[in-house]
N, C-alpha and C. Protein backbone atom coordinates (compact mmCIF):
# COMPACT_ATOMS: atom_id res chain seq x y z
N UNK A 1 0.98 -1.19 0.17
CA UNK A 1 -0.05 -0.03 -0.04
C UNK A 1 1.09 1.31 0.12
N UNK A 2 0.29 2.08 -0.98
CA UNK A 2 1.57 3.34 -1.16
C UNK A 2 0.73 4.92 -0.24
N UNK A 3 1.19 5.34 0.00
CA UNK A 3 0.85 6.95 0.52
C UNK A 3 -0.51 7.46 0.40
N UNK A 4 -0.77 7.19 -1.01
CA UNK A 4 -1.91 7.70 -1.78
C UNK A 4 -3.15 7.00 -1.20
N UNK A 5 -3.09 5.70 -1.26
CA UNK A 5 -4.18 4.60 -0.72
C UNK A 5 -4.24 5.13 1.09
N UNK A 6 -3.11 4.89 1.88
CA UNK A 6 -3.17 5.37 3.08
C UNK A 6 -4.04 6.42 3.15
N UNK A 7 -3.51 7.72 2.68
CA UNK A 7 -4.57 8.72 2.87
C UNK A 7 -5.89 8.61 2.36
N UNK A 8 -6.18 7.79 1.26
CA UNK A 8 -7.66 7.74 1.24
C UNK A 8 -8.49 6.54 2.37
N UNK A 9 -7.64 5.81 2.90
CA UNK A 9 -8.37 5.07 3.74
C UNK A 9 -8.37 6.27 5.08
N UNK A 10 -7.96 6.88 5.40
CA UNK A 10 -7.61 7.98 6.65
C UNK A 10 -8.94 8.94 6.09
N UNK A 11 -9.07 9.15 4.84
CA UNK A 11 -10.33 10.06 4.79
C UNK A 11 -11.30 9.29 5.12
N UNK A 12 -11.52 7.92 4.54
CA UNK A 12 -12.39 6.91 4.63
C UNK A 12 -13.04 7.14 6.46
N UNK A 13 -11.83 6.70 7.08
CA UNK A 13 -11.90 6.91 8.47
C UNK A 13 -12.53 7.91 9.32
N UNK A 14 -12.15 9.13 8.61
CA UNK A 14 -12.87 10.44 9.12
C UNK A 14 -14.48 10.51 8.79
N UNK A 15 -14.81 10.02 7.75
CA UNK A 15 -16.26 10.22 7.21
C UNK A 15 -16.95 9.35 7.97
N UNK A 16 -16.83 8.21 7.93
CA UNK A 16 -17.16 7.02 8.95
C UNK A 16 -16.96 7.35 10.54
N UNK A 17 -15.75 8.14 11.19
CA UNK A 17 -15.81 8.22 12.70
C UNK A 17 -16.87 9.49 12.51
N UNK A 18 -17.02 10.42 11.69
CA UNK A 18 -17.64 11.62 11.87
C UNK A 18 -19.14 10.97 12.15
N UNK A 19 -19.75 10.06 10.81
CA UNK A 19 -20.95 9.64 10.85
C UNK A 19 -21.21 8.95 12.28
N UNK A 20 -19.96 8.25 12.84
CA UNK A 20 -20.38 7.41 14.29
C UNK A 20 -20.45 8.66 15.00
N UNK A 21 -20.29 9.67 15.20
CA UNK A 21 -20.47 10.79 16.30
C UNK A 21 -21.95 11.33 16.08
N UNK A 22 -21.80 11.14 14.92
CA UNK A 22 -23.40 11.80 14.39
C UNK A 22 -24.52 10.86 15.02
N UNK A 23 -24.35 9.43 14.87
CA UNK A 23 -25.18 8.98 15.23
C UNK A 23 -25.56 8.68 16.31
N UNK A 24 -24.38 8.95 17.41
CA UNK A 24 -23.98 8.61 18.77
C UNK A 24 -24.72 9.93 19.27
N UNK A 25 -25.09 10.76 18.43
CA UNK A 25 -25.70 12.09 19.23
C UNK A 25 -27.15 12.16 19.24
N UNK A 26 -27.40 10.90 17.95
CA UNK A 26 -28.70 10.64 17.77
C UNK A 26 -29.31 9.49 18.31
N UNK A 27 -28.58 8.78 19.04
CA UNK A 27 -29.06 7.47 19.80
C UNK A 27 -29.35 7.99 21.10
N UNK A 28 -29.60 9.09 21.32
CA UNK A 28 -29.84 9.83 22.82
C UNK A 28 -29.58 8.65 23.94
N UNK A 29 -28.06 8.80 24.17
CA UNK A 29 -27.26 8.12 25.35
C UNK A 29 -27.57 6.39 24.77
N UNK A 30 -27.67 6.22 23.61
CA UNK A 30 -27.96 4.79 23.31
C UNK A 30 -29.22 4.37 23.83
N UNK A 31 -30.01 5.26 23.64
CA UNK A 31 -31.69 4.41 24.14
C UNK A 31 -32.26 3.93 22.87
N UNK A 32 -32.31 4.51 21.61
CA UNK A 32 -32.92 4.30 20.41
C UNK A 32 -31.94 3.05 19.91
N UNK A 33 -32.82 2.26 19.41
CA UNK A 33 -31.92 1.28 18.82
C UNK A 33 -31.20 1.58 17.35
N UNK A 34 -31.65 1.66 15.87
CA UNK A 34 -31.57 2.49 14.68
C UNK A 34 -29.74 3.02 14.73
N UNK A 35 -30.13 4.44 15.31
CA UNK A 35 -29.14 5.18 15.72
C UNK A 35 -27.62 4.45 16.51
N UNK A 36 -27.79 3.80 17.57
CA UNK A 36 -27.17 2.98 18.20
C UNK A 36 -26.26 1.96 17.50
N UNK A 37 -27.14 1.29 16.73
CA UNK A 37 -26.62 0.05 15.95
C UNK A 37 -25.60 0.64 14.65
N UNK A 38 -26.10 2.08 14.16
CA UNK A 38 -25.09 2.84 13.02
C UNK A 38 -24.18 2.77 13.78
N UNK A 39 -24.05 3.82 14.85
CA UNK A 39 -22.99 4.26 15.46
C UNK A 39 -21.75 2.98 15.65
N UNK A 40 -22.25 1.23 16.13
CA UNK A 40 -21.47 0.95 16.63
C UNK A 40 -20.93 0.07 15.01
N UNK A 41 -21.71 0.59 13.98
CA UNK A 41 -20.80 -0.24 12.75
C UNK A 41 -20.42 0.95 12.04
N UNK A 42 -20.71 1.99 12.43
CA UNK A 42 -19.48 3.42 11.82
C UNK A 42 -18.24 3.42 12.37
N UNK A 43 -18.40 2.85 13.67
CA UNK A 43 -17.18 2.96 14.54
C UNK A 43 -16.48 1.83 13.97
N UNK A 44 -16.73 0.64 14.01
CA UNK A 44 -15.90 -0.84 13.27
C UNK A 44 -15.41 -0.67 12.44
N UNK A 45 -15.85 0.15 11.31
CA UNK A 45 -15.09 0.86 10.46
C UNK A 45 -14.40 1.24 9.99
N UNK A 46 -14.45 2.60 10.82
CA UNK A 46 -13.55 3.38 11.08
C UNK A 46 -12.52 3.10 11.61
N UNK A 47 -12.44 2.15 12.48
CA UNK A 47 -11.35 1.38 13.08
C UNK A 47 -10.72 0.45 11.99
N UNK A 48 -11.37 -0.05 11.02
CA UNK A 48 -10.64 -1.06 9.92
C UNK A 48 -9.88 0.32 9.11
N UNK A 49 -10.37 1.16 8.87
CA UNK A 49 -9.81 2.31 8.08
C UNK A 49 -8.57 2.50 8.50
N UNK A 50 -8.51 3.25 10.00
CA UNK A 50 -7.34 3.56 10.75
C UNK A 50 -6.78 2.51 10.78
N UNK A 51 -6.73 1.17 10.78
CA UNK A 51 -5.90 -0.07 11.09
C UNK A 51 -5.00 0.22 9.60
N UNK A 52 -5.63 0.23 8.44
CA UNK A 52 -5.02 0.09 7.21
C UNK A 52 -4.08 1.32 6.92
N UNK A 53 -4.77 2.46 7.34
CA UNK A 53 -3.49 3.57 7.64
C UNK A 53 -2.33 3.12 8.26
N UNK A 54 -2.48 2.69 9.22
CA UNK A 54 -1.22 2.37 9.91
C UNK A 54 -0.14 1.62 9.73
N UNK A 55 -0.63 0.79 8.47
CA UNK A 55 0.49 0.04 7.75
C UNK A 55 1.45 0.99 7.28
N UNK A 56 1.42 2.07 6.97
CA UNK A 56 2.02 2.72 6.03
C UNK A 56 2.18 4.30 7.07
N UNK A 57 1.36 4.52 7.34
CA UNK A 57 2.17 6.28 8.46
C UNK A 57 2.13 5.85 9.93
N UNK A 58 2.70 6.65 10.22
CA UNK A 58 3.02 6.08 12.05
C UNK A 58 2.00 6.40 12.74
N UNK A 59 1.66 5.48 13.90
CA UNK A 59 0.22 5.81 14.47
C UNK A 59 -0.11 6.82 15.15
N UNK A 60 1.37 7.58 15.50
CA UNK A 60 1.07 9.22 16.00
C UNK A 60 0.41 10.33 15.03
N UNK A 61 1.11 9.95 14.05
CA UNK A 61 0.73 11.07 13.11
C UNK A 61 -0.69 10.68 12.61
N UNK A 62 -0.84 9.32 12.82
CA UNK A 62 -2.31 8.91 11.99
C UNK A 62 -3.48 9.15 12.88
N UNK A 63 -3.40 8.96 14.06
CA UNK A 63 -3.97 9.35 15.14
C UNK A 63 -4.46 10.81 15.34
N UNK A 64 -3.14 11.91 15.18
CA UNK A 64 -3.60 13.07 15.16
C UNK A 64 -4.44 13.65 14.42
N UNK A 65 -3.93 12.75 13.04
CA UNK A 65 -4.70 13.48 11.72
C UNK A 65 -6.16 13.32 11.48
N UNK A 66 -6.47 12.11 12.29
CA UNK A 66 -7.49 11.14 12.23
C UNK A 66 -8.60 12.42 13.45
N UNK A 67 -7.93 12.30 14.59
CA UNK A 67 -9.01 12.79 15.56
C UNK A 67 -8.91 14.78 15.28
N UNK A 68 -8.10 15.17 14.70
CA UNK A 68 -8.17 16.82 14.23
C UNK A 68 -9.09 16.82 13.07
N UNK A 69 -9.03 15.77 11.97
CA UNK A 69 -10.05 15.94 10.96
C UNK A 69 -11.39 15.79 11.44
N UNK A 70 -11.70 14.90 12.34
CA UNK A 70 -12.96 14.43 12.84
C UNK A 70 -13.46 15.57 14.01
N UNK A 71 -12.75 16.31 14.28
CA UNK A 71 -13.04 17.54 15.17
C UNK A 71 -13.64 18.09 14.02
N UNK A 72 -13.31 18.74 13.24
CA UNK A 72 -13.45 19.71 12.48
C UNK A 72 -14.77 19.19 11.83
N UNK A 73 -14.55 17.73 11.31
CA UNK A 73 -15.96 17.70 10.34
C UNK A 73 -17.30 17.38 11.05
N UNK A 74 -16.71 16.79 12.58
CA UNK A 74 -17.72 16.85 13.52
C UNK A 74 -18.52 18.38 13.88
N UNK A 75 -17.79 18.98 13.88
CA UNK A 75 -18.07 20.91 14.49
C UNK A 75 -18.52 21.32 13.15
N UNK A 76 -18.46 20.73 11.87
CA UNK A 76 -19.20 21.13 10.74
C UNK A 76 -20.84 20.52 10.72
N UNK A 77 -20.75 19.30 10.84
CA UNK A 77 -21.89 18.71 11.12
C UNK A 77 -22.51 19.30 12.10
N UNK A 78 -21.90 19.70 13.30
CA UNK A 78 -23.24 20.53 14.54
C UNK A 78 -23.38 21.82 14.17
N UNK A 79 -22.46 22.63 13.29
CA UNK A 79 -23.20 23.67 12.52
C UNK A 79 -24.35 23.19 11.80
N UNK A 80 -24.41 22.71 11.09
CA UNK A 80 -25.36 22.67 9.97
C UNK A 80 -26.72 21.74 10.50
N UNK A 81 -26.48 20.68 10.90
CA UNK A 81 -27.65 19.91 11.45
C UNK A 81 -28.56 20.51 12.81
N UNK A 82 -27.72 20.87 13.82
CA UNK A 82 -27.79 21.04 15.20
C UNK A 82 -27.91 22.22 15.31
N UNK A 83 -27.53 23.49 14.45
CA UNK A 83 -27.43 24.69 14.73
C UNK A 83 -26.51 24.76 15.58
N UNK A 84 -25.07 24.19 15.80
CA UNK A 84 -24.36 24.59 17.27
C UNK A 84 -23.20 25.40 16.01
N UNK A 85 -23.12 26.84 16.50
CA UNK A 85 -22.51 27.70 16.16
C UNK A 85 -21.62 28.10 16.72
N UNK A 86 -20.02 27.90 16.86
CA UNK A 86 -19.11 28.21 17.50
C UNK A 86 -18.57 29.50 17.86
N UNK A 87 -17.82 29.67 19.25
CA UNK A 87 -17.95 31.28 19.47
C UNK A 87 -16.59 31.45 18.88
N UNK A 88 -15.66 32.60 18.72
CA UNK A 88 -14.97 33.52 18.72
C UNK A 88 -13.34 32.30 19.21
N UNK A 89 -13.64 31.72 20.41
CA UNK A 89 -12.56 31.20 20.63
C UNK A 89 -12.44 29.71 20.48
N UNK A 90 -13.43 29.29 19.93
CA UNK A 90 -13.71 27.98 19.34
C UNK A 90 -13.16 27.75 18.15
N UNK A 91 -13.39 28.97 17.33
CA UNK A 91 -13.10 28.69 16.09
C UNK A 91 -11.62 29.42 16.14
N UNK A 92 -10.94 29.88 17.13
CA UNK A 92 -9.45 29.72 16.99
C UNK A 92 -8.79 28.33 17.60
N UNK A 93 -9.30 27.89 18.27
CA UNK A 93 -8.70 26.47 18.93
C UNK A 93 -9.10 25.56 17.64
N UNK A 94 -10.07 25.50 16.76
CA UNK A 94 -10.22 25.11 15.50
C UNK A 94 -9.27 25.11 14.76
N UNK A 95 -8.93 26.36 14.39
CA UNK A 95 -7.89 26.81 13.55
C UNK A 95 -6.33 26.16 13.97
N UNK A 96 -6.39 26.54 14.69
CA UNK A 96 -4.73 25.68 15.87
C UNK A 96 -4.78 24.18 15.49
N UNK A 97 -5.93 23.49 15.65
CA UNK A 97 -6.10 21.97 15.17
C UNK A 97 -5.97 22.05 13.91
N UNK A 98 -6.33 22.34 12.83
CA UNK A 98 -6.18 22.42 11.36
C UNK A 98 -4.43 22.87 11.22
N UNK A 99 -4.28 23.53 11.70
CA UNK A 99 -2.66 23.94 11.53
C UNK A 99 -1.74 22.62 12.05
N UNK A 100 -1.92 22.56 12.89
CA UNK A 100 -0.96 21.48 13.69
C UNK A 100 -1.23 19.84 12.92
N UNK A 101 -2.60 19.60 11.76
CA UNK A 101 -3.18 18.87 11.15
C UNK A 101 -1.83 18.94 10.25
N UNK A 102 -1.81 20.21 9.28
CA UNK A 102 -1.19 20.49 8.63
C UNK A 102 0.53 20.22 8.63
N UNK A 103 0.89 20.86 10.10
CA UNK A 103 2.13 20.73 10.32
C UNK A 103 2.42 18.94 10.05
N UNK A 104 1.56 18.25 10.99
CA UNK A 104 2.33 16.82 11.31
C UNK A 104 2.24 15.81 9.96
N UNK A 105 1.87 16.28 8.92
CA UNK A 105 1.54 15.86 7.65
C UNK A 105 2.31 16.15 6.98
N UNK A 106 3.03 17.71 7.16
CA UNK A 106 4.18 17.65 6.13
C UNK A 106 5.35 17.62 6.55
N UNK A 107 5.50 17.46 8.02
CA UNK A 107 6.82 17.36 8.31
C UNK A 107 7.21 16.32 9.47
N UNK A 108 6.04 15.65 9.86
CA UNK A 108 5.81 14.42 10.40
C UNK A 108 6.00 12.95 9.91
N UNK A 109 6.30 12.67 8.35
CA UNK A 109 6.35 11.51 7.72
C UNK A 109 7.60 11.58 7.08
N UNK A 110 8.41 10.56 7.25
CA UNK A 110 9.47 10.65 6.48
C UNK A 110 9.53 9.10 5.76
N UNK A 111 9.84 9.24 4.25
CA UNK A 111 9.67 8.20 3.56
C UNK A 111 10.82 7.42 3.00
């Protein structure tokens, strides 16, 4: 597997990880069956994607990238679906997360 495929798996993991977060919110404390099951399925798919990424990209860089991108994507879902508008400090923090993910991926991977 090459670096491009690894990043495709990372993208997949972020998408299904974000979906899992959304389903977990919709599950109302895992009291609703369908969103609870969907949350479980998507988190398993997410872990599958991450395990494939870690074949090529070191675990620290993989998880830092995944976590940062999932935070950003989940915040976007919160804005669109739940009308949860971030304040100035949240925006600053999210900007720092994006900056960190970019730095880790540009300078942290040695081939």
